[in-house]
Every structure is written in C-alpha cells, then in structure tokens.
Amino acid sequence: MTPPATSEEPIGGWTALMDFDPDGMAENIADKFGFVERQVKGDLKRFKHFIEDRGAPTGQWRGQV
C-alpha cells in the first residue's frame, strides 16, 4: 500500500489525507512518477477556488455533520 497522499498546504485550516492503492500496471507507474499526488493536489486547489469564488451561499443545507 502506498503512503497517503497529503496536501502540504493546509486548505481552510485542515489537511487532506487520501489512501490510494494502485491497481494494475498503469496506476502503479502513475503513482511512482507522482502523477496521482499532483492530480489530488490540483483537484483540491480547484475545489477550494470553486468554493471561495462563489461569493454567496447556495441556499443548501447548513446543518452540522
């Protein structure tokens, strides 16, 4: 099993951890070359910008988890 991919820059005061167990040769190669970690970091940054750039709440549920 691969160590968890982590975001080195805290996003909103938290750090994201994700377990990834490569399945097959293509995923193993992508993991070894760092493609998976870069994809996760990029996705988290795009999500952060998407949420922050909305400017207004969506009106959806605001309860606590």
PDB file of N, CA and C in Angstrom:
ATOM      1  N   MET A   1       0.848  -1.183   0.000  1.00  0.00           N
ATOM      2  CA  MET A   1       0.000   0.000   0.000  1.00  0.00           C
ATOM      3  C   MET A   1       0.888   1.239   0.000  1.00  0.00           C
ATOM      4  N   THR A   2       0.469   2.219  -0.732  1.00  0.00           N
ATOM      5  CA  THR A   2       1.185   3.476  -0.849  1.00  0.00           C
ATOM      6  C   THR A   2       0.870   4.365   0.342  1.00  0.00           C
ATOM      7  N   PRO A   3       1.848   5.147   0.834  1.00  0.00           N
ATOM      8  CA  PRO A   3       1.523   6.097   1.907  1.00  0.00           C
ATOM      9  C   PRO A   3       0.458   7.080   1.430  1.00  0.00           C
ATOM     10  N   PRO A   4      -0.323   7.622   2.352  1.00  0.00           N
ATOM     11  CA  PRO A   4      -1.390   8.542   1.938  1.00  0.00           C
ATOM     12  C   PRO A   4      -0.847   9.767   1.215  1.00  0.00           C
ATOM     13  N   ALA A   5      -1.574  10.215   0.200  1.00  0.00           N
ATOM     14  CA  ALA A   5      -1.255  11.475  -0.462  1.00  0.00           C
ATOM     15  C   ALA A   5      -1.708  12.588   0.461  1.00  0.00           C
ATOM     16  N   THR A   6      -0.875  13.582   0.687  1.00  0.00           N
ATOM     17  CA  THR A   6      -1.256  14.676   1.584  1.00  0.00           C
ATOM     18  C   THR A   6      -1.092  16.001   0.881  1.00  0.00           C
ATOM     19  N   SER A   7      -1.903  16.939   1.280  1.00  0.00           N
ATOM     20  CA  SER A   7      -1.760  18.308   0.809  1.00  0.00           C
ATOM     21  C   SER A   7      -0.818  19.009   1.770  1.00  0.00           C
ATOM     22  N   GLU A   8       0.311  19.468   1.272  1.00  0.00           N
ATOM     23  CA  GLU A   8       1.291  20.095   2.149  1.00  0.00           C
ATOM     24  C   GLU A   8       0.868  21.478   2.591  1.00  0.00           C
ATOM     25  N   GLU A   9      -0.037  22.089   1.837  1.00  0.00           N
ATOM     26  CA  GLU A   9      -0.542  23.406   2.209  1.00  0.00           C
ATOM     27  C   GLU A   9      -1.931  23.207   2.803  1.00  0.00           C
ATOM     28  N   PRO A  10      -2.104  23.522   4.087  1.00  0.00           N
ATOM     29  CA  PRO A  10      -3.438  23.356   4.677  1.00  0.00           C
ATOM     30  C   PRO A  10      -4.475  24.161   3.903  1.00  0.00           C
ATOM     31  N   ILE A  11      -5.597  23.564   3.668  1.00  0.00           N
ATOM     32  CA  ILE A  11      -6.676  24.216   2.929  1.00  0.00           C
ATOM     33  C   ILE A  11      -7.782  24.534   3.921  1.00  0.00           C
ATOM     34  N   GLY A  12      -7.958  25.793   4.210  1.00  0.00           N
ATOM     35  CA  GLY A  12      -9.003  26.197   5.143  1.00  0.00           C
ATOM     36  C   GLY A  12      -8.758  25.701   6.557  1.00  0.00           C
ATOM     37  N   GLY A  13      -7.518  25.520   6.918  1.00  0.00           N
ATOM     38  CA  GLY A  13      -7.198  25.107   8.271  1.00  0.00           C
ATOM     39  C   GLY A  13      -7.209  23.602   8.479  1.00  0.00           C
ATOM     40  N   TRP A  14      -7.314  22.806   7.404  1.00  0.00           N
ATOM     41  CA  TRP A  14      -7.272  21.362   7.562  1.00  0.00           C
ATOM     42  C   TRP A  14      -6.353  20.762   6.517  1.00  0.00           C
ATOM     43  N   THR A  15      -5.927  19.554   6.760  1.00  0.00           N
ATOM     44  CA  THR A  15      -5.051  18.849   5.839  1.00  0.00           C
ATOM     45  C   THR A  15      -5.789  17.629   5.314  1.00  0.00           C
ATOM     46  N   ALA A  16      -5.766  17.432   4.023  1.00  0.00           N
ATOM     47  CA  ALA A  16      -6.459  16.303   3.408  1.00  0.00           C
ATOM     48  C   ALA A  16      -5.541  15.090   3.346  1.00  0.00           C
ATOM     49  N   LEU A  17      -6.062  13.940   3.730  1.00  0.00           N
ATOM     50  CA  LEU A  17      -5.341  12.670   3.617  1.00  0.00           C
ATOM     51  C   LEU A  17      -6.171  11.731   2.762  1.00  0.00           C
ATOM     52  N   MET A  18      -5.523  11.034   1.850  1.00  0.00           N
ATOM     53  CA  MET A  18      -6.240  10.115   0.987  1.00  0.00           C
ATOM     54  C   MET A  18      -5.414   8.856   0.808  1.00  0.00           C
ATOM     55  N   ASP A  19      -6.024   7.708   1.041  1.00  0.00           N
ATOM     56  CA  ASP A  19      -5.368   6.434   0.767  1.00  0.00           C
ATOM     57  C   ASP A  19      -5.590   6.071  -0.694  1.00  0.00           C
ATOM     58  N   PHE A  20      -4.550   5.582  -1.326  1.00  0.00           N
ATOM     59  CA  PHE A  20      -4.651   5.167  -2.719  1.00  0.00           C
ATOM     60  C   PHE A  20      -3.903   3.854  -2.862  1.00  0.00           C
ATOM     61  N   ASP A  21      -4.601   2.832  -3.289  1.00  0.00           N
ATOM     62  CA  ASP A  21      -3.992   1.526  -3.506  1.00  0.00           C
ATOM     63  C   ASP A  21      -4.005   1.268  -5.010  1.00  0.00           C
ATOM     64  N   PRO A  22      -2.870   1.492  -5.681  1.00  0.00           N
ATOM     65  CA  PRO A  22      -2.828   1.332  -7.136  1.00  0.00           C
ATOM     66  C   PRO A  22      -3.231  -0.080  -7.556  1.00  0.00           C
ATOM     67  N   ASP A  23      -4.010  -0.154  -8.606  1.00  0.00           N
ATOM     68  CA  ASP A  23      -4.477  -1.437  -9.121  1.00  0.00           C
ATOM     69  C   ASP A  23      -4.071  -1.540 -10.590  1.00  0.00           C
ATOM     70  N   GLY A  24      -3.149  -2.383 -10.863  1.00  0.00           N
ATOM     71  CA  GLY A  24      -2.709  -2.568 -12.243  1.00  0.00           C
ATOM     72  C   GLY A  24      -1.424  -1.814 -12.539  1.00  0.00           C
ATOM     73  N   MET A  25      -0.829  -2.161 -13.675  1.00  0.00           N
ATOM     74  CA  MET A  25       0.459  -1.595 -14.044  1.00  0.00           C
ATOM     75  C   MET A  25       0.388  -0.084 -14.294  1.00  0.00           C
ATOM     76  N   ALA A  26      -0.648   0.370 -14.994  1.00  0.00           N
ATOM     77  CA  ALA A  26      -0.751   1.797 -15.324  1.00  0.00           C
ATOM     78  C   ALA A  26      -0.843   2.651 -14.059  1.00  0.00           C
ATOM     79  N   GLU A  27      -1.658   2.236 -13.092  1.00  0.00           N
ATOM     80  CA  GLU A  27      -1.800   3.010 -11.856  1.00  0.00           C
ATOM     81  C   GLU A  27      -0.520   2.967 -11.029  1.00  0.00           C
ATOM     82  N   ASN A  28       0.163   1.835 -11.019  1.00  0.00           N
ATOM     83  CA  ASN A  28       1.438   1.746 -10.301  1.00  0.00           C
ATOM     84  C   ASN A  28       2.476   2.683 -10.895  1.00  0.00           C
ATOM     85  N   ILE A  29       2.547   2.731 -12.211  1.00  0.00           N
ATOM     86  CA  ILE A  29       3.502   3.623 -12.878  1.00  0.00           C
ATOM     87  C   ILE A  29       3.149   5.084 -12.593  1.00  0.00           C
ATOM     88  N   ALA A  30       1.854   5.422 -12.706  1.00  0.00           N
ATOM     89  CA  ALA A  30       1.422   6.800 -12.439  1.00  0.00           C
ATOM     90  C   ALA A  30       1.748   7.200 -11.007  1.00  0.00           C
ATOM     91  N   ASP A  31       1.567   6.272 -10.080  1.00  0.00           N
ATOM     92  CA  ASP A  31       1.864   6.556  -8.676  1.00  0.00           C
ATOM     93  C   ASP A  31       3.357   6.768  -8.464  1.00  0.00           C
ATOM     94  N   LYS A  32       4.181   5.929  -9.056  1.00  0.00           N
ATOM     95  CA  LYS A  32       5.641   6.037  -8.887  1.00  0.00           C
ATOM     96  C   LYS A  32       6.185   7.351  -9.438  1.00  0.00           C
ATOM     97  N   PHE A  33       5.589   7.856 -10.512  1.00  0.00           N
ATOM     98  CA  PHE A  33       6.046   9.107 -11.108  1.00  0.00           C
ATOM     99  C   PHE A  33       5.403  10.344 -10.482  1.00  0.00           C
ATOM    100  N   GLY A  34       4.532  10.153  -9.500  1.00  0.00           N
ATOM    101  CA  GLY A  34       3.941  11.278  -8.781  1.00  0.00           C
ATOM    102  C   GLY A  34       2.721  11.889  -9.438  1.00  0.00           C
ATOM    103  N   PHE A  35       2.196  11.245 -10.490  1.00  0.00           N
ATOM    104  CA  PHE A  35       1.030  11.801 -11.174  1.00  0.00           C
ATOM    105  C   PHE A  35      -0.200  11.842 -10.269  1.00  0.00           C
ATOM    106  N   VAL A  36      -0.359  10.814  -9.451  1.00  0.00           N
ATOM    107  CA  VAL A  36      -1.542  10.727  -8.591  1.00  0.00           C
ATOM    108  C   VAL A  36      -1.528  11.852  -7.564  1.00  0.00           C
ATOM    109  N   GLU A  37      -0.401  12.055  -6.902  1.00  0.00           N
ATOM    110  CA  GLU A  37      -0.312  13.107  -5.893  1.00  0.00           C
ATOM    111  C   GLU A  37      -0.557  14.486  -6.504  1.00  0.00           C
ATOM    112  N   ARG A  38       0.022  14.733  -7.677  1.00  0.00           N
ATOM    113  CA  ARG A  38      -0.202  16.029  -8.343  1.00  0.00           C
ATOM    114  C   ARG A  38      -1.661  16.211  -8.729  1.00  0.00           C
ATOM    115  N   GLN A  39      -2.314  15.144  -9.170  1.00  0.00           N
ATOM    116  CA  GLN A  39      -3.732  15.228  -9.533  1.00  0.00           C
ATOM    117  C   GLN A  39      -4.585  15.560  -8.318  1.00  0.00           C
ATOM    118  N   VAL A  40      -4.314  14.898  -7.195  1.00  0.00           N
ATOM    119  CA  VAL A  40      -5.076  15.149  -5.961  1.00  0.00           C
ATOM    120  C   VAL A  40      -4.880  16.592  -5.507  1.00  0.00           C
ATOM    121  N   LYS A  41      -3.642  17.049  -5.483  1.00  0.00           N
ATOM    122  CA  LYS A  41      -3.378  18.433  -5.053  1.00  0.00           C
ATOM    123  C   LYS A  41      -4.061  19.429  -5.975  1.00  0.00           C
ATOM    124  N   GLY A  42      -3.993  19.195  -7.279  1.00  0.00           N
ATOM    125  CA  GLY A  42      -4.643  20.089  -8.236  1.00  0.00           C
ATOM    126  C   GLY A  42      -6.153  20.108  -8.056  1.00  0.00           C
ATOM    127  N   ASP A  43      -6.745  18.921  -7.863  1.00  0.00           N
ATOM    128  CA  ASP A  43      -8.193  18.844  -7.660  1.00  0.00           C
ATOM    129  C   ASP A  43      -8.618  19.589  -6.401  1.00  0.00           C
ATOM    130  N   LEU A  44      -7.844  19.441  -5.318  1.00  0.00           N
ATOM    131  CA  LEU A  44      -8.184  20.143  -4.078  1.00  0.00           C
ATOM    132  C   LEU A  44      -8.071  21.656  -4.232  1.00  0.00           C
ATOM    133  N   LYS A  45      -7.057  22.112  -4.938  1.00  0.00           N
ATOM    134  CA  LYS A  45      -6.913  23.561  -5.151  1.00  0.00           C
ATOM    135  C   LYS A  45      -8.048  24.102  -6.011  1.00  0.00           C
ATOM    136  N   ARG A  46      -8.419  23.359  -7.078  1.00  0.00           N
ATOM    137  CA  ARG A  46      -9.533  23.807  -7.919  1.00  0.00           C
ATOM    138  C   ARG A  46     -10.839  23.829  -7.137  1.00  0.00           C
ATOM    139  N   PHE A  47     -11.048  22.836  -6.275  1.00  0.00           N
ATOM    140  CA  PHE A  47     -12.259  22.804  -5.454  1.00  0.00           C
ATOM    141  C   PHE A  47     -12.281  23.978  -4.485  1.00  0.00           C
ATOM    142  N   LYS A  48     -11.142  24.269  -3.873  1.00  0.00           N
ATOM    143  CA  LYS A  48     -11.030  25.400  -2.944  1.00  0.00           C
ATOM    144  C   LYS A  48     -11.396  26.705  -3.653  1.00  0.00           C
ATOM    145  N   HIS A  49     -10.843  26.915  -4.852  1.00  0.00           N
ATOM    146  CA  HIS A  49     -11.143  28.134  -5.600  1.00  0.00           C
ATOM    147  C   HIS A  49     -12.615  28.178  -6.021  1.00  0.00           C
ATOM    148  N   PHE A  50     -13.158  27.046  -6.407  1.00  0.00           N
ATOM    149  CA  PHE A  50     -14.567  26.983  -6.784  1.00  0.00           C
ATOM    150  C   PHE A  50     -15.454  27.418  -5.623  1.00  0.00           C
ATOM    151  N   ILE A  51     -15.189  26.895  -4.434  1.00  0.00           N
ATOM    152  CA  ILE A  51     -15.995  27.238  -3.257  1.00  0.00           C
ATOM    153  C   ILE A  51     -15.804  28.698  -2.867  1.00  0.00           C
ATOM    154  N   GLU A  52     -14.558  29.157  -2.828  1.00  0.00           N
ATOM    155  CA  GLU A  52     -14.285  30.526  -2.385  1.00  0.00           C
ATOM    156  C   GLU A  52     -14.760  31.577  -3.381  1.00  0.00           C
ATOM    157  N   ASP A  53     -14.766  31.268  -4.669  1.00  0.00           N
ATOM    158  CA  ASP A  53     -15.132  32.252  -5.691  1.00  0.00           C
ATOM    159  C   ASP A  53     -16.638  32.377  -5.906  1.00  0.00           C
ATOM    160  N   ARG A  54     -17.418  31.537  -5.245  1.00  0.00           N
ATOM    161  CA  ARG A  54     -18.873  31.607  -5.422  1.00  0.00           C
ATOM    162  C   ARG A  54     -19.413  32.932  -4.926  1.00  0.00           C
ATOM    163  N   GLY A  55     -18.883  33.418  -3.805  1.00  0.00           N
ATOM    164  CA  GLY A  55     -19.293  34.717  -3.290  1.00  0.00           C
ATOM    165  C   GLY A  55     -20.589  34.726  -2.511  1.00  0.00           C
ATOM    166  N   ALA A  56     -21.388  33.705  -2.633  1.00  0.00           N
ATOM    167  CA  ALA A  56     -22.669  33.671  -1.925  1.00  0.00           C
ATOM    168  C   ALA A  56     -23.010  32.215  -1.607  1.00  0.00           C
ATOM    169  N   PRO A  57     -23.720  31.996  -0.517  1.00  0.00           N
ATOM    170  CA  PRO A  57     -24.136  30.634  -0.205  1.00  0.00           C
ATOM    171  C   PRO A  57     -25.124  30.111  -1.247  1.00  0.00           C
ATOM    172  N   THR A  58     -25.186  28.815  -1.388  1.00  0.00           N
ATOM    173  CA  THR A  58     -26.073  28.208  -2.396  1.00  0.00           C
ATOM    174  C   THR A  58     -27.500  28.088  -1.903  1.00  0.00           C
ATOM    175  N   GLY A  59     -27.729  28.251  -0.597  1.00  0.00           N
ATOM    176  CA  GLY A  59     -29.068  28.059  -0.061  1.00  0.00           C
ATOM    177  C   GLY A  59     -29.318  26.611   0.323  1.00  0.00           C
ATOM    178  N   GLN A  60     -28.330  25.789   0.180  1.00  0.00           N
ATOM    179  CA  GLN A  60     -28.455  24.372   0.521  1.00  0.00           C
ATOM    180  C   GLN A  60     -28.379  24.171   2.020  1.00  0.00           C
ATOM    181  N   TRP A  61     -28.457  22.944   2.447  1.00  0.00           N
ATOM    182  CA  TRP A  61     -28.448  22.537   3.847  1.00  0.00           C
ATOM    183  C   TRP A  61     -27.258  23.118   4.577  1.00  0.00           C
ATOM    184  N   ARG A  62     -27.477  23.641   5.780  1.00  0.00           N
ATOM    185  CA  ARG A  62     -26.415  24.263   6.574  1.00  0.00           C
ATOM    186  C   ARG A  62     -26.276  23.597   7.932  1.00  0.00           C
ATOM    187  N   GLY A  63     -26.713  22.376   8.076  1.00  0.00           N
ATOM    188  CA  GLY A  63     -26.609  21.666   9.349  1.00  0.00           C
ATOM    189  C   GLY A  63     -25.165  21.286   9.659  1.00  0.00           C
ATOM    190  N   GLN A  64     -24.998  20.579  10.741  1.00  0.00           N
ATOM    191  CA  GLN A  64     -23.663  20.123  11.126  1.00  0.00           C
ATOM    192  C   GLN A  64     -23.522  18.658  10.827  1.00  0.00           C
ATOM    193  N   VAL A  65     -22.321  18.251  10.525  1.00  0.00           N
ATOM    194  CA  VAL A  65     -22.020  16.845  10.242  1.00  0.00           C
ATOM    195  C   VAL A  65     -21.496  16.222  11.495  1.00  0.00           C
TER     196      VAL A  65
END
